[in-house]
């Protein structure tokens, strides 16, 4: 293997590791936020994950037992993977994003923007597309918006920034 091929291969591998780390950290962090909120509202974790499964697959998931719970967990992690990949692509393609997240202040600002943007897109476009009803902007919606800074923006931005530092 040539030196160029070895460098390209290690770069692809490290970006793959960055994506997996961002995905899993985000899935767990956002899952913890969802669990805490669910328990605070005196709901069950079963209902939480059945509710996630019901978004693309319909209301029948709510009373479907353990299979929709597992499907809800899987969908939750698919969403985390998608948003992690989106940010990784943004950072890989846009120099201003890479330069912004090199500093702690830049990472904080980027997480404070990216996490809420994810929630806004999910709650106003993606979920309404599947459930065929508009978003309800309530107190819970605002809590989710703020929570996404910590549970989505922070793990994605920090993990990608760490990957960029090891890449350079």
N, C-alpha and C. Protein backbone atom coordinates (compact mmCIF):
# COMPACT_ATOMS: atom_id res chain seq x y z
N UNK A 1 0.85 -1.18 0.00
CA UNK A 1 0.00 0.00 0.00
C UNK A 1 0.89 1.24 0.00
N UNK A 2 0.56 2.19 -0.84
CA UNK A 2 1.36 3.41 -0.92
C UNK A 2 1.10 4.29 0.29
N UNK A 3 1.99 5.25 0.51
CA UNK A 3 1.84 6.18 1.63
C UNK A 3 0.56 7.00 1.49
N UNK A 4 0.24 7.38 0.25
CA UNK A 4 -0.98 8.15 0.01
C UNK A 4 -2.22 7.32 0.35
N UNK A 5 -2.24 6.07 -0.08
CA UNK A 5 -3.38 5.20 0.21
C UNK A 5 -3.49 4.94 1.70
N UNK A 6 -2.36 4.78 2.38
CA UNK A 6 -2.39 4.55 3.83
C UNK A 6 -2.94 5.77 4.56
N UNK A 7 -2.53 6.96 4.12
CA UNK A 7 -3.03 8.19 4.74
C UNK A 7 -4.53 8.34 4.50
N UNK A 8 -4.97 8.10 3.27
CA UNK A 8 -6.40 8.19 2.97
C UNK A 8 -7.18 7.17 3.77
N UNK A 9 -6.65 5.96 3.88
CA UNK A 9 -7.34 4.91 4.64
C UNK A 9 -7.44 5.27 6.11
N UNK A 10 -6.36 5.79 6.71
CA UNK A 10 -6.42 6.16 8.12
C UNK A 10 -7.35 7.35 8.34
N UNK A 11 -7.41 8.28 7.37
CA UNK A 11 -8.31 9.43 7.48
C UNK A 11 -9.76 8.95 7.44
N UNK A 12 -10.09 8.05 6.51
CA UNK A 12 -11.44 7.52 6.45
C UNK A 12 -11.79 6.80 7.74
N UNK A 13 -10.84 6.04 8.26
CA UNK A 13 -11.09 5.30 9.49
C UNK A 13 -11.32 6.25 10.65
N UNK A 14 -10.50 7.29 10.76
CA UNK A 14 -10.67 8.21 11.88
C UNK A 14 -11.97 8.98 11.76
N UNK A 15 -12.39 9.36 10.54
CA UNK A 15 -13.68 10.04 10.39
C UNK A 15 -14.82 9.09 10.73
N UNK A 16 -14.65 7.82 10.40
CA UNK A 16 -15.65 6.83 10.79
C UNK A 16 -15.76 6.71 12.29
N UNK A 17 -14.61 6.72 12.96
CA UNK A 17 -14.62 6.67 14.43
C UNK A 17 -15.26 7.92 15.02
N UNK A 18 -14.97 9.06 14.44
CA UNK A 18 -15.58 10.32 14.91
C UNK A 18 -17.10 10.23 14.78
N UNK A 19 -17.58 9.75 13.65
CA UNK A 19 -19.02 9.62 13.44
C UNK A 19 -19.63 8.66 14.46
N UNK A 20 -19.01 7.52 14.67
CA UNK A 20 -19.55 6.54 15.63
C UNK A 20 -19.58 7.14 17.04
N UNK A 21 -18.52 7.82 17.43
CA UNK A 21 -18.49 8.44 18.76
C UNK A 21 -19.57 9.51 18.91
N UNK A 22 -19.67 10.38 17.91
CA UNK A 22 -20.69 11.44 17.97
C UNK A 22 -22.09 10.82 18.02
N UNK A 23 -22.32 9.81 17.21
CA UNK A 23 -23.61 9.13 17.15
C UNK A 23 -23.98 8.53 18.50
N UNK A 24 -23.07 7.73 19.06
CA UNK A 24 -23.40 7.05 20.31
C UNK A 24 -23.51 8.03 21.48
N UNK A 25 -22.60 9.00 21.55
CA UNK A 25 -22.70 10.00 22.63
C UNK A 25 -24.00 10.80 22.53
N UNK A 26 -24.37 11.17 21.32
CA UNK A 26 -25.59 11.93 21.13
C UNK A 26 -26.82 11.08 21.42
N UNK A 27 -26.82 9.85 20.95
CA UNK A 27 -27.94 8.96 21.23
C UNK A 27 -28.14 8.75 22.71
N UNK A 28 -27.05 8.55 23.44
CA UNK A 28 -27.15 8.35 24.89
C UNK A 28 -27.54 9.64 25.59
N UNK A 29 -26.88 10.75 25.27
CA UNK A 29 -27.17 12.03 25.94
C UNK A 29 -28.61 12.46 25.69
N UNK A 30 -29.06 12.39 24.44
CA UNK A 30 -30.42 12.78 24.14
C UNK A 30 -31.42 11.79 24.73
N UNK A 31 -31.03 10.53 24.78
CA UNK A 31 -31.88 9.52 25.42
C UNK A 31 -32.05 9.81 26.90
N UNK A 32 -30.97 10.20 27.56
CA UNK A 32 -31.06 10.56 28.98
C UNK A 32 -31.99 11.75 29.17
N UNK A 33 -31.85 12.77 28.33
CA UNK A 33 -32.75 13.92 28.42
C UNK A 33 -34.20 13.48 28.24
N UNK A 34 -34.46 12.65 27.24
CA UNK A 34 -35.83 12.19 26.99
C UNK A 34 -36.37 11.38 28.17
N UNK A 35 -35.53 10.55 28.75
CA UNK A 35 -35.95 9.73 29.90
C UNK A 35 -36.26 10.61 31.10
N UNK A 36 -35.38 11.57 31.39
CA UNK A 36 -35.61 12.48 32.52
C UNK A 36 -36.91 13.26 32.33
N UNK A 37 -37.11 13.79 31.13
CA UNK A 37 -38.35 14.53 30.86
C UNK A 37 -39.57 13.63 30.98
N UNK A 38 -39.47 12.42 30.46
CA UNK A 38 -40.59 11.48 30.53
C UNK A 38 -40.96 11.19 31.98
N UNK A 39 -39.96 10.91 32.80
CA UNK A 39 -40.22 10.61 34.21
C UNK A 39 -40.75 11.85 34.94
N UNK A 40 -40.24 13.03 34.58
CA UNK A 40 -40.71 14.27 35.22
C UNK A 40 -42.19 14.51 34.92
N UNK A 41 -42.64 14.06 33.76
CA UNK A 41 -44.05 14.22 33.39
C UNK A 41 -44.88 12.99 33.77
N UNK A 42 -44.29 12.11 34.58
CA UNK A 42 -44.98 10.92 35.10
C UNK A 42 -45.48 10.00 33.99
N UNK A 43 -44.65 9.85 32.96
CA UNK A 43 -44.95 8.92 31.87
C UNK A 43 -44.02 7.73 32.00
N UNK A 44 -44.30 6.69 31.27
CA UNK A 44 -43.45 5.49 31.32
C UNK A 44 -42.43 5.52 30.18
N UNK A 45 -41.33 4.82 30.40
CA UNK A 45 -40.32 4.73 29.35
C UNK A 45 -40.85 3.91 28.17
N UNK A 46 -41.70 2.95 28.47
CA UNK A 46 -42.35 2.19 27.40
C UNK A 46 -43.11 3.14 26.48
N UNK A 47 -43.88 4.02 27.07
CA UNK A 47 -44.67 4.97 26.28
C UNK A 47 -43.75 5.91 25.48
N UNK A 48 -42.64 6.32 26.09
CA UNK A 48 -41.69 7.20 25.40
C UNK A 48 -41.24 6.57 24.08
N UNK A 49 -40.73 5.34 24.15
CA UNK A 49 -40.17 4.73 22.96
C UNK A 49 -41.24 4.23 22.00
N UNK A 50 -42.40 3.82 22.52
CA UNK A 50 -43.51 3.50 21.62
C UNK A 50 -43.96 4.77 20.88
N UNK A 51 -43.93 5.89 21.58
CA UNK A 51 -44.28 7.16 20.96
C UNK A 51 -43.33 7.53 19.84
N UNK A 52 -42.04 7.28 20.04
CA UNK A 52 -41.07 7.54 18.97
C UNK A 52 -41.38 6.66 17.76
N UNK A 53 -41.66 5.38 18.01
CA UNK A 53 -41.98 4.46 16.92
C UNK A 53 -43.27 4.85 16.21
N UNK A 54 -44.19 5.47 16.96
CA UNK A 54 -45.49 5.83 16.35
C UNK A 54 -45.38 6.98 15.36
N UNK A 55 -44.31 7.76 15.43
CA UNK A 55 -44.20 8.89 14.51
C UNK A 55 -44.18 8.41 13.06
N UNK A 56 -43.25 7.55 12.65
CA UNK A 56 -43.30 7.12 11.25
C UNK A 56 -44.25 5.94 10.98
N UNK A 57 -44.58 5.16 12.04
CA UNK A 57 -45.32 3.92 11.80
C UNK A 57 -46.76 3.94 12.31
N UNK A 58 -47.21 5.05 12.86
CA UNK A 58 -48.61 5.19 13.22
C UNK A 58 -48.93 4.89 14.68
N UNK A 59 -50.12 5.30 15.07
CA UNK A 59 -50.59 5.21 16.46
C UNK A 59 -50.66 3.77 16.98
N UNK A 60 -50.74 2.81 16.10
CA UNK A 60 -50.78 1.41 16.52
C UNK A 60 -49.55 1.00 17.32
N UNK A 61 -48.48 1.74 17.20
CA UNK A 61 -47.25 1.42 17.94
C UNK A 61 -47.41 1.68 19.44
N UNK A 62 -48.34 2.56 19.81
CA UNK A 62 -48.47 2.96 21.21
C UNK A 62 -48.83 1.78 22.10
N UNK A 63 -49.66 0.88 21.64
CA UNK A 63 -50.08 -0.26 22.46
C UNK A 63 -49.49 -1.57 21.95
N UNK A 64 -48.38 -1.48 21.25
CA UNK A 64 -47.84 -2.66 20.58
C UNK A 64 -46.91 -3.54 21.37
N UNK A 65 -46.64 -3.23 22.62
CA UNK A 65 -45.77 -4.09 23.41
C UNK A 65 -44.30 -3.79 23.22
N UNK A 66 -43.46 -4.81 23.44
CA UNK A 66 -42.01 -4.59 23.43
C UNK A 66 -41.40 -4.33 22.05
N UNK A 67 -42.00 -4.84 20.99
CA UNK A 67 -41.43 -4.62 19.65
C UNK A 67 -41.39 -3.13 19.29
N UNK A 68 -42.48 -2.38 19.48
CA UNK A 68 -42.40 -0.94 19.21
C UNK A 68 -41.43 -0.20 20.14
N UNK A 69 -41.23 -0.70 21.35
CA UNK A 69 -40.25 -0.08 22.25
C UNK A 69 -38.86 -0.21 21.62
N UNK A 70 -38.52 -1.42 21.20
CA UNK A 70 -37.22 -1.65 20.56
C UNK A 70 -37.08 -0.83 19.28
N UNK A 71 -38.16 -0.76 18.51
CA UNK A 71 -38.15 0.03 17.29
C UNK A 71 -37.94 1.51 17.61
N UNK A 72 -38.58 2.00 18.68
CA UNK A 72 -38.41 3.39 19.10
C UNK A 72 -36.98 3.70 19.50
N UNK A 73 -36.35 2.78 20.23
CA UNK A 73 -34.94 2.97 20.60
C UNK A 73 -34.08 3.01 19.35
N UNK A 74 -34.32 2.09 18.42
CA UNK A 74 -33.55 2.05 17.17
C UNK A 74 -33.75 3.34 16.37
N UNK A 75 -34.98 3.82 16.28
CA UNK A 75 -35.24 5.06 15.55
C UNK A 75 -34.55 6.25 16.22
N UNK A 76 -34.59 6.26 17.55
CA UNK A 76 -33.92 7.33 18.29
C UNK A 76 -32.44 7.38 17.90
N UNK A 77 -31.79 6.23 17.86
CA UNK A 77 -30.37 6.19 17.51
C UNK A 77 -30.14 6.46 16.02
N UNK A 78 -31.10 6.12 15.17
CA UNK A 78 -30.98 6.48 13.74
C UNK A 78 -31.00 7.99 13.56
N UNK A 79 -31.86 8.66 14.30
CA UNK A 79 -31.93 10.12 14.23
C UNK A 79 -30.61 10.72 14.72
N UNK A 80 -30.08 10.18 15.82
CA UNK A 80 -28.79 10.67 16.35
C UNK A 80 -27.68 10.47 15.32
N UNK A 81 -27.68 9.34 14.63
CA UNK A 81 -26.69 9.08 13.59
C UNK A 81 -26.83 10.08 12.44
N UNK A 82 -28.05 10.33 12.04
CA UNK A 82 -28.29 11.26 10.93
C UNK A 82 -27.76 12.65 11.24
N UNK A 83 -28.12 13.19 12.41
CA UNK A 83 -27.69 14.55 12.75
C UNK A 83 -26.20 14.62 13.02
N UNK A 84 -25.61 13.54 13.52
CA UNK A 84 -24.15 13.50 13.69
C UNK A 84 -23.47 13.54 12.33
N UNK A 85 -23.99 12.77 11.39
CA UNK A 85 -23.41 12.73 10.04
C UNK A 85 -23.57 14.08 9.33
N UNK A 86 -24.72 14.72 9.53
CA UNK A 86 -24.93 16.04 8.91
C UNK A 86 -23.88 17.02 9.40
N UNK A 87 -23.66 17.06 10.71
CA UNK A 87 -22.67 18.03 11.22
C UNK A 87 -21.26 17.65 10.79
N UNK A 88 -20.94 16.38 10.78
CA UNK A 88 -19.61 15.95 10.34
C UNK A 88 -19.38 16.37 8.89
N UNK A 89 -20.39 16.22 8.05
CA UNK A 89 -20.26 16.67 6.65
C UNK A 89 -20.10 18.18 6.56
N UNK A 90 -20.87 18.91 7.36
CA UNK A 90 -20.72 20.37 7.38
C UNK A 90 -19.29 20.76 7.76
N UNK A 91 -18.78 20.13 8.80
CA UNK A 91 -17.42 20.45 9.26
C UNK A 91 -16.37 20.03 8.22
N UNK A 92 -16.61 18.92 7.56
CA UNK A 92 -15.65 18.44 6.57
C UNK A 92 -15.63 19.33 5.32
N UNK A 93 -16.78 19.91 4.98
CA UNK A 93 -16.90 20.67 3.73
C UNK A 93 -16.76 22.18 3.88
N UNK A 94 -16.98 22.69 5.09
CA UNK A 94 -17.01 24.14 5.27
C UNK A 94 -15.90 24.58 6.22
N UNK A 95 -14.95 25.30 5.66
CA UNK A 95 -13.81 25.76 6.44
C UNK A 95 -14.20 26.63 7.61
N UNK A 96 -15.21 27.47 7.44
CA UNK A 96 -15.60 28.37 8.52
C UNK A 96 -16.16 27.59 9.71
N UNK A 97 -16.81 26.44 9.46
CA UNK A 97 -17.29 25.62 10.57
C UNK A 97 -16.09 25.02 11.30
N UNK A 98 -15.15 24.47 10.53
CA UNK A 98 -13.93 23.89 11.13
C UNK A 98 -13.19 24.92 11.97
N UNK A 99 -13.03 26.13 11.43
CA UNK A 99 -12.27 27.13 12.18
C UNK A 99 -13.06 27.61 13.41
N UNK A 100 -14.37 27.67 13.30
CA UNK A 100 -15.18 28.12 14.44
C UNK A 100 -15.08 27.15 15.61
N UNK A 101 -15.10 25.85 15.34
CA UNK A 101 -15.12 24.87 16.44
C UNK A 101 -13.72 24.53 16.96
N UNK A 102 -12.71 25.24 16.51
CA UNK A 102 -11.37 25.03 17.06
C UNK A 102 -11.22 25.61 18.45
N UNK A 103 -12.00 26.62 18.79
CA UNK A 103 -11.91 27.23 20.13
C UNK A 103 -13.07 26.76 21.00
N UNK A 104 -12.87 26.81 22.29
CA UNK A 104 -13.94 26.43 23.23
C UNK A 104 -15.15 27.34 23.03
N UNK A 105 -14.93 28.64 22.91
CA UNK A 105 -16.03 29.57 22.70
C UNK A 105 -16.78 29.24 21.41
N UNK A 106 -16.05 28.89 20.37
CA UNK A 106 -16.68 28.53 19.10
C UNK A 106 -17.49 27.25 19.22
N UNK A 107 -16.98 26.27 19.98
CA UNK A 107 -17.73 25.03 20.19
C UNK A 107 -19.01 25.30 20.98
N UNK A 108 -18.91 26.13 22.01
CA UNK A 108 -20.10 26.46 22.81
C UNK A 108 -21.15 27.15 21.93
N UNK A 109 -20.71 28.14 21.16
CA UNK A 109 -21.64 28.87 20.30
C UNK A 109 -22.26 27.95 19.24
N UNK A 110 -21.44 27.09 18.65
CA UNK A 110 -21.93 26.19 17.61
C UNK A 110 -22.92 25.19 18.18
N UNK A 111 -22.62 24.64 19.35
CA UNK A 111 -23.54 23.70 20.00
C UNK A 111 -24.85 24.40 20.36
N UNK A 112 -24.75 25.66 20.77
CA UNK A 112 -25.94 26.43 21.15
C UNK A 112 -26.81 26.75 19.94
N UNK A 113 -26.23 26.69 18.76
CA UNK A 113 -27.00 26.92 17.53
C UNK A 113 -27.44 25.58 16.92
N UNK A 114 -26.52 24.64 16.81
CA UNK A 114 -26.82 23.39 16.10
C UNK A 114 -27.86 22.55 16.83
N UNK A 115 -27.72 22.38 18.13
CA UNK A 115 -28.68 21.56 18.88
C UNK A 115 -30.11 22.06 18.72
N UNK A 116 -30.38 23.33 18.98
CA UNK A 116 -31.73 23.85 18.76
C UNK A 116 -32.18 23.77 17.30
N UNK A 117 -31.27 23.96 16.35
CA UNK A 117 -31.65 23.82 14.95
C UNK A 117 -32.15 22.40 14.65
N UNK A 118 -31.49 21.41 15.24
CA UNK A 118 -31.95 20.03 15.08
C UNK A 118 -33.37 19.90 15.60
N UNK A 119 -33.63 20.43 16.81
CA UNK A 119 -34.97 20.33 17.38
C UNK A 119 -36.00 21.07 16.52
N UNK A 120 -35.65 22.23 16.03
CA UNK A 120 -36.58 23.00 15.21
C UNK A 120 -36.93 22.23 13.93
N UNK A 121 -35.93 21.66 13.27
CA UNK A 121 -36.21 20.89 12.04
C UNK A 121 -37.04 19.65 12.36
N UNK A 122 -36.67 18.94 13.41
CA UNK A 122 -37.41 17.72 13.77
C UNK A 122 -38.86 18.04 14.15
N UNK A 123 -39.02 19.05 14.99
CA UNK A 123 -40.36 19.32 15.54
C UNK A 123 -41.28 20.08 14.58
N UNK A 124 -40.71 20.85 13.67
CA UNK A 124 -41.57 21.65 12.78
C UNK A 124 -41.68 21.07 11.36
N UNK A 125 -40.76 20.20 10.98
CA UNK A 125 -40.80 19.63 9.63
C UNK A 125 -40.94 18.11 9.63
N UNK A 126 -40.01 17.42 10.27
CA UNK A 126 -39.96 15.96 10.18
C UNK A 126 -41.16 15.32 10.87
N UNK A 127 -41.36 15.61 12.14
CA UNK A 127 -42.46 14.98 12.87
C UNK A 127 -43.82 15.35 12.27
N UNK A 128 -44.09 16.64 12.00
CA UNK A 128 -45.38 16.97 11.38
C UNK A 128 -45.59 16.28 10.02
N UNK A 129 -44.53 16.06 9.27
CA UNK A 129 -44.65 15.35 8.00
C UNK A 129 -45.24 13.96 8.21
N UNK A 130 -44.80 13.28 9.25
CA UNK A 130 -45.28 11.92 9.51
C UNK A 130 -46.64 11.88 10.21
N UNK A 131 -46.86 12.77 11.15
CA UNK A 131 -48.10 12.69 11.95
C UNK A 131 -49.24 13.53 11.36
N UNK A 132 -48.95 14.30 10.34
CA UNK A 132 -49.96 15.10 9.63
C UNK A 132 -50.69 16.09 10.52
N UNK A 133 -49.95 16.70 11.43
CA UNK A 133 -50.50 17.80 12.22
C UNK A 133 -49.34 18.74 12.57
N UNK A 134 -49.64 20.01 12.72
CA UNK A 134 -48.57 20.99 12.97
C UNK A 134 -48.03 20.86 14.39
N UNK A 135 -46.86 21.41 14.56
CA UNK A 135 -46.22 21.42 15.87
C UNK A 135 -47.03 22.31 16.83
N UNK A 136 -47.04 21.92 18.09
CA UNK A 136 -47.64 22.76 19.14
C UNK A 136 -46.48 23.36 19.94
N UNK A 137 -46.35 24.66 19.90
CA UNK A 137 -45.28 25.34 20.63
C UNK A 137 -45.78 25.57 22.06
N UNK A 138 -45.34 24.70 22.96
CA UNK A 138 -45.75 24.74 24.36
C UNK A 138 -44.52 24.91 25.24
N UNK A 139 -44.73 24.92 26.53
CA UNK A 139 -43.60 24.97 27.45
C UNK A 139 -42.66 23.80 27.26
N UNK A 140 -43.22 22.62 27.01
CA UNK A 140 -42.38 21.43 26.76
C UNK A 140 -41.51 21.62 25.51
N UNK A 141 -42.07 22.25 24.49
CA UNK A 141 -41.33 22.49 23.26
C UNK A 141 -40.09 23.34 23.56
N UNK A 142 -40.26 24.39 24.37
CA UNK A 142 -39.15 25.28 24.72
C UNK A 142 -38.11 24.55 25.58
N UNK A 143 -38.57 23.67 26.46
CA UNK A 143 -37.63 22.86 27.26
C UNK A 143 -36.79 21.98 26.35
N UNK A 144 -37.44 21.35 25.37
CA UNK A 144 -36.72 20.53 24.39
C UNK A 144 -35.71 21.37 23.60
N UNK A 145 -36.13 22.56 23.21
CA UNK A 145 -35.24 23.44 22.45
C UNK A 145 -33.97 23.72 23.25
N UNK A 146 -34.14 24.11 24.51
CA UNK A 146 -32.97 24.39 25.36
C UNK A 146 -32.18 23.12 25.64
N UNK A 147 -32.87 22.03 25.89
CA UNK A 147 -32.19 20.77 26.19
C UNK A 147 -31.33 20.27 25.05
N UNK A 148 -31.71 20.57 23.83
CA UNK A 148 -30.94 20.11 22.68
C UNK A 148 -29.56 20.77 22.57
N UNK A 149 -29.36 21.88 23.25
CA UNK A 149 -28.00 22.46 23.30
C UNK A 149 -27.07 21.45 23.95
N UNK A 150 -27.52 20.88 25.06
CA UNK A 150 -26.68 19.97 25.85
C UNK A 150 -26.74 18.55 25.30
N UNK A 151 -27.93 18.07 24.95
CA UNK A 151 -28.08 16.65 24.61
C UNK A 151 -27.77 16.31 23.16
N UNK A 152 -27.76 17.30 22.29
CA UNK A 152 -27.49 17.06 20.87
C UNK A 152 -26.32 17.90 20.38
N UNK A 153 -26.42 19.21 20.53
CA UNK A 153 -25.37 20.09 20.02
C UNK A 153 -24.01 19.82 20.64
N UNK A 154 -23.97 19.72 21.95
CA UNK A 154 -22.68 19.56 22.63
C UNK A 154 -21.96 18.25 22.26
N UNK A 155 -22.60 17.08 22.36
CA UNK A 155 -21.83 15.87 22.02
C UNK A 155 -21.41 15.82 20.56
N UNK A 156 -22.24 16.32 19.66
CA UNK A 156 -21.88 16.29 18.25
C UNK A 156 -20.72 17.25 17.98
N UNK A 157 -20.87 18.49 18.40
CA UNK A 157 -19.86 19.50 18.09
C UNK A 157 -18.53 19.17 18.76
N UNK A 158 -18.56 18.79 20.03
CA UNK A 158 -17.31 18.50 20.73
C UNK A 158 -16.61 17.28 20.14
N UNK A 159 -17.37 16.25 19.78
CA UNK A 159 -16.75 15.05 19.22
C UNK A 159 -16.15 15.33 17.85
N UNK A 160 -16.86 16.06 17.02
CA UNK A 160 -16.32 16.39 15.70
C UNK A 160 -15.10 17.30 15.84
N UNK A 161 -15.15 18.26 16.75
CA UNK A 161 -14.00 19.14 16.97
C UNK A 161 -12.79 18.34 17.43
N UNK A 162 -13.00 17.40 18.33
CA UNK A 162 -11.89 16.54 18.80
C UNK A 162 -11.33 15.73 17.64
N UNK A 163 -12.19 15.24 16.76
CA UNK A 163 -11.74 14.48 15.60
C UNK A 163 -10.93 15.35 14.65
N UNK A 164 -11.33 16.60 14.50
CA UNK A 164 -10.57 17.51 13.63
C UNK A 164 -9.19 17.79 14.21
N UNK A 165 -9.10 17.92 15.53
CA UNK A 165 -7.81 18.18 16.17
C UNK A 165 -6.86 17.01 15.97
N UNK A 166 -7.36 15.79 16.06
CA UNK A 166 -6.48 14.63 15.86
C UNK A 166 -6.14 14.43 14.39
N UNK A 167 -7.03 14.93 13.50
CA UNK A 167 -6.82 14.81 12.07
C UNK A 167 -5.71 15.74 11.59
N UNK A 168 -5.58 16.89 12.25
CA UNK A 168 -4.60 17.89 11.79
C UNK A 168 -3.23 17.65 12.36
